[in-house]
Protein backbone atom coordinates (compact mmCIF):
# COMPACT_ATOMS: atom_id res chain seq x y z
CA MET A 1 0.00 0.00 0.00
CA SER A 2 1.49 3.29 -1.08
CA VAL A 3 1.63 6.28 1.27
CA PRO A 4 -0.06 9.42 -0.16
CA PRO A 5 2.13 12.50 -0.56
CA LEU A 6 2.21 14.92 2.37
CA ALA A 7 0.64 17.64 0.23
CA ASP A 8 -2.43 15.43 -0.26
CA VAL A 9 -2.85 14.88 3.48
CA ILE A 10 -2.44 18.49 4.77
CA THR A 11 -4.93 20.98 3.40
CA LEU A 12 -4.28 24.61 4.19
CA PRO A 13 -7.31 26.88 4.72
CA VAL A 14 -8.22 29.13 1.86
CA ARG A 15 -8.09 32.84 2.76
CA LYS A 16 -11.38 34.49 2.03
CA ALA A 17 -11.99 38.15 1.53
CA VAL A 18 -13.48 39.85 4.58
CA PRO A 19 -16.90 41.20 3.64
CA ALA A 20 -17.65 44.87 4.10
CA ALA A 21 -20.31 44.00 6.67
CA ALA A 22 -17.67 42.42 8.90
CA GLY A 23 -15.52 45.55 8.73
CA ALA A 24 -18.52 47.66 9.66
CA ALA A 25 -19.26 45.35 12.57
CA VAL A 26 -15.69 45.71 13.85
CA GLU A 27 -15.93 49.50 13.64
CA SER A 28 -19.28 49.46 15.43
CA TYR A 29 -17.78 47.34 18.19
CA ARG A 30 -14.86 49.75 18.54
CA LEU A 31 -17.20 52.73 18.84
CA ALA A 32 -19.42 50.90 21.31
CA THR A 33 -16.40 50.03 23.44
CA ALA A 34 -15.25 53.66 23.47
CA TRP A 35 -18.79 54.79 24.30
CA THR A 36 -19.23 52.52 27.31
CA ALA A 37 -15.69 52.57 28.73
CA ASN A 38 -15.10 54.24 32.08
CA GLU A 39 -11.49 54.87 33.11
CA VAL A 40 -11.15 57.60 35.72
CA ASP A 41 -7.57 58.80 36.21
CA ASP A 42 -5.90 60.34 39.24
CA TRP A 43 -7.22 63.80 38.37
CA GLY A 44 -10.84 62.70 37.93
CA ARG A 45 -10.94 62.60 34.13
CA ASP A 46 -13.25 59.85 32.85
CA ASN A 47 -11.91 58.63 29.51
CA GLY A 48 -15.16 56.87 28.60
CA PHE A 49 -17.23 59.95 29.37
CA VAL A 50 -14.88 62.10 27.27
CA ASN A 51 -15.24 59.67 24.34
CA ARG A 52 -19.03 59.84 24.57
CA ILE A 53 -19.11 63.63 24.61
CA TRP A 54 -16.64 63.78 21.71
CA SER A 55 -18.82 61.39 19.69
CA LEU A 56 -21.86 63.58 20.32
CA SER A 57 -19.97 66.73 19.35
CA ASN A 58 -19.05 65.15 16.01
CA TRP A 59 -22.74 65.21 15.06
CA ARG A 60 -22.56 68.98 15.09
CA TRP A 61 -18.92 69.76 14.30
CA HIS A 62 -16.28 68.63 11.87
CA THR A 63 -13.13 69.78 13.64
CA SER A 64 -9.64 70.02 12.18
CA VAL A 65 -6.49 70.56 14.23
CA GLY A 66 -3.36 72.16 12.84
CA GLY A 67 0.08 72.40 14.42
CA ALA A 68 -0.28 69.22 16.47
CA GLU A 69 3.42 68.55 15.86
CA HIS A 70 4.20 71.32 18.35
CA VAL A 71 2.58 69.38 21.21
CA PRO A 72 5.11 67.16 23.02
CA ARG A 73 4.41 63.42 22.81
CA ARG A 74 5.29 62.54 26.38
CA SER A 75 6.01 65.63 28.48
CA GLY A 76 3.53 68.24 29.71
CA ALA A 77 2.49 71.47 28.02
CA LEU A 78 0.16 74.41 28.56
CA ILE A 79 -1.88 75.41 25.48
CA ILE A 80 -3.46 78.87 25.64
CA VAL A 81 -6.49 79.55 23.42
CA ASN A 82 -8.69 82.55 22.67
CA THR A 83 -12.21 82.44 24.11
CA ARG A 84 -15.45 84.01 22.93
CA ARG A 85 -17.96 85.17 25.49
CA PHE A 86 -20.56 82.48 26.28
CA ALA A 87 -18.62 79.92 24.21
CA LEU A 88 -16.93 76.71 25.37
CA ALA A 89 -13.66 77.12 23.50
CA PRO A 90 -11.30 75.61 26.13
CA ILE A 91 -13.45 72.46 26.41
CA PHE A 92 -13.90 72.19 22.66
CA ALA A 93 -10.16 72.68 22.08
CA ALA A 94 -9.22 70.10 24.73
CA LEU A 95 -11.51 67.49 23.15
CA ALA A 96 -10.28 68.19 19.62
CA ILE A 97 -6.58 68.22 20.51
CA GLY A 98 -6.93 65.08 22.63
CA ALA A 99 -8.54 63.23 19.72
CA GLU A 100 -5.83 64.46 17.34
CA ILE A 101 -2.78 63.51 19.44
CA ASP A 102 -4.40 60.50 21.13
CA ARG A 103 -3.52 61.73 24.62
CA PRO A 104 -5.65 62.93 27.53
CA VAL A 105 -5.99 66.70 27.37
CA ARG A 106 -7.45 68.70 30.24
CA PHE A 107 -8.68 72.28 30.52
CA VAL A 108 -8.67 74.94 33.21
CA GLY A 109 -11.93 76.39 34.42
CA ARG A 110 -14.22 73.91 36.14
CA PRO A 111 -16.36 75.42 38.92
CA ASP A 112 -16.14 74.06 42.45
CA VAL A 113 -19.92 73.62 42.80
CA VAL A 114 -22.32 70.72 42.34
CA PRO A 115 -23.42 69.47 39.83
CA PHE A 116 -21.33 71.37 37.28
CA GLY A 117 -18.00 70.84 39.00
CA PRO A 118 -18.05 67.01 39.01
CA VAL A 119 -19.30 66.89 35.41
CA MET A 120 -16.53 69.22 34.23
CA GLN A 121 -13.99 67.21 36.21
CA ARG A 122 -15.03 64.04 34.37
CA LEU A 123 -14.41 65.90 31.12
CA GLY A 124 -10.92 66.82 32.29
CA GLY A 125 -11.66 70.14 33.95
CA LEU A 126 -9.25 71.58 36.51
CA LEU A 127 -9.79 74.29 39.09
CA PRO A 128 -8.18 77.64 38.15
CA VAL A 129 -5.61 77.16 40.91
CA GLU A 130 -1.87 77.34 40.28
CA ALA A 131 -1.01 74.40 42.54
CA GLU A 132 -3.40 71.99 40.79
CA LEU A 133 -2.33 73.11 37.33
CA GLU A 134 1.36 72.82 38.19
CA GLY A 135 0.83 69.30 39.57
CA VAL A 136 -0.83 68.11 36.35
CA LEU A 137 1.86 69.71 34.17
CA ARG A 138 4.67 68.21 36.24
CA SER A 139 3.09 64.78 35.83
CA GLY A 140 3.29 65.15 32.04
CA GLY A 141 -0.26 66.34 31.38
CA ILE A 142 -1.46 68.52 28.52
CA VAL A 143 -3.73 71.36 29.66
CA VAL A 144 -5.72 73.98 27.74
CA LEU A 145 -6.09 77.44 29.30
CA GLY A 146 -8.56 79.97 27.94
CA ALA A 147 -7.71 83.67 27.72
CA ALA A 148 -10.20 86.19 29.07
CA PRO A 149 -13.47 85.99 27.05
CA ARG A 150 -14.21 88.56 24.36
CA PRO A 151 -17.36 89.20 22.31
CA ASP A 152 -15.50 88.36 19.10
CA ASN A 153 -12.24 86.87 17.90
CA GLU A 154 -10.65 89.89 16.31
CA LEU A 155 -8.24 89.93 19.24
CA SER A 156 -7.50 87.58 22.10
CA GLY A 157 -8.28 88.49 25.70
CA LEU A 158 -5.80 88.84 28.53
CA VAL A 159 -3.95 85.72 29.68
CA ASP A 160 -3.77 85.00 33.42
CA HIS A 161 -0.05 85.32 34.17
CA ARG A 162 -0.43 83.49 37.50
CA LEU A 163 -1.56 80.32 35.74
CA VAL A 164 1.20 80.76 33.16
CA GLY A 165 3.54 80.85 36.15
CA ALA A 166 2.48 77.28 36.97
CA ALA A 167 3.79 76.17 33.57
CA ILE A 168 7.05 78.04 34.10
CA ALA A 169 7.47 76.45 37.53
CA ALA A 170 6.79 73.02 36.02
CA LYS A 171 9.29 73.77 33.22
CA VAL A 172 6.97 72.81 30.37
CA ARG A 173 6.20 74.38 27.00
CA VAL A 174 3.66 77.18 26.65
CA LEU A 175 1.88 77.00 23.28
CA PRO A 176 -0.47 79.59 21.73
CA ALA A 177 -3.51 78.32 19.82
CA ALA A 178 -6.39 79.93 17.92
CA THR A 179 -9.90 78.46 17.86
CA ILE A 180 -12.36 79.36 15.12
CA SER A 181 -15.99 78.41 14.53
CA ALA A 182 -19.22 79.90 13.20
CA PRO A 183 -22.81 79.16 14.28
CA THR A 184 -24.00 78.64 10.71
CA ARG A 185 -21.24 76.23 9.65
CA ARG A 186 -20.27 72.71 10.58
CA SER A 187 -16.51 73.15 10.31
CA ALA A 188 -14.31 74.33 13.18
CA ARG A 189 -10.56 74.56 13.62
CA VAL A 190 -7.89 74.66 16.28
CA GLU A 191 -4.53 75.99 15.11
CA ILE A 192 -1.59 75.45 17.47
CA GLY A 193 1.50 77.62 17.15
CA PRO A 194 5.11 76.90 18.13
CA PRO A 195 6.20 77.23 21.77
CA ILE A 196 6.64 80.68 23.26
CA SER A 197 10.31 81.64 23.46
CA LEU A 198 11.39 84.84 25.19
CA ARG A 199 14.35 86.73 23.78
CA LYS A 200 15.75 87.29 27.24
CA ARG A 201 15.55 84.70 29.97
CA ARG A 202 13.60 85.99 32.96
CA ARG A 203 12.87 84.77 36.45
CA GLY A 204 9.95 85.22 38.83
CA PRO A 205 6.96 87.44 38.01
CA LEU A 206 8.66 89.01 34.99
CA ALA A 207 8.84 85.62 33.27
CA GLU A 208 5.13 85.02 33.93
CA LEU A 209 4.06 88.44 32.66
CA GLU A 210 6.22 88.41 29.54
CA THR A 211 5.25 84.85 28.63
CA ALA A 212 1.56 85.67 29.06
CA ASP A 213 1.88 88.80 26.92
CA ALA A 214 3.83 86.91 24.26
CA ALA A 215 1.18 84.16 24.17
CA GLN A 216 -1.59 86.74 23.70
CA ALA A 217 0.32 88.38 20.85
CA LYS A 218 0.96 85.03 19.14
CA ILE A 219 -2.72 84.08 19.38
CA ASP A 220 -3.61 87.41 17.75
CA ASP A 221 -1.19 86.56 14.93
CA LEU A 222 -2.80 83.13 14.46
CA LEU A 223 -6.29 84.63 14.41
CA ASP A 224 -5.15 87.16 11.81
CA GLU A 225 -3.68 84.39 9.64
CA LEU A 226 -6.93 82.42 9.88
CA GLY A 227 -8.98 85.44 8.87
CA GLY A 228 -10.82 85.99 12.14
CA THR A 229 -14.06 84.35 13.26
CA SER A 230 -17.62 85.22 14.05
CA THR A 231 -19.25 85.26 17.45
CA GLY A 232 -21.05 82.29 18.91
CA THR A 233 -23.04 80.97 21.86
CA PRO A 234 -23.16 77.66 23.77
CA LEU A 235 -25.78 76.49 21.25
CA ASP A 236 -22.98 76.35 18.67
CA TRP A 237 -21.44 73.41 20.46
CA LEU A 238 -24.58 71.25 20.70
CA PRO A 239 -25.40 68.50 18.15
CA LEU A 240 -28.49 70.24 16.78
CA PRO A 241 -28.98 69.71 13.04
CA GLY A 242 -31.33 72.70 12.85
CA ILE A 243 -28.44 75.13 13.34
CA SER A 244 -25.94 73.43 11.03
């Protein structure tokens, strides 16, 4: 009795093309996992909650982020953005930048009252206190700080030099960024500029003041390059198709 060749005994499986429906199912599972995940970090940021809010915001906004290469990949940084009155620019910018660089990004400005404080903390909100901000920056966190609100975006508002001092004490980069949006459009943008660099090295309050002033001036330059923006309200940030 002859022995059959090995090739006749072992049959390798035939690779079949993955149908489009399977790919859609995998993507749906990924989105569902991100939607239901809950991972609260040491500073109270809930990664699952952030993912859910970001998914909702995408119904209303198509956000692009420029200059992400200026954000450090591992170390901390303070990103200062312009803010319109009654708008949520620091939150919006933190969500957009976090999604772009795939890192947790927090923002300064959560109130210390219930129920708004805990909700903002889950989104990554920090109290406007130098000690808390410095602690996050020293631990390698990325934080967005809003300038003083203005009715429009022709110019940026004043930057709190005391909070900038927390970044200087933590020895991290300070980055200017411009945010633009319009209530009648779906597109929005965050443009991040290169780190602030003073011509003359300063210490103490002078370093804080000059860095804050330089950041404000750089944001004005970015807004001018982007052509300015129109005013907006909190309704701009909600996923309402009627105002798209």
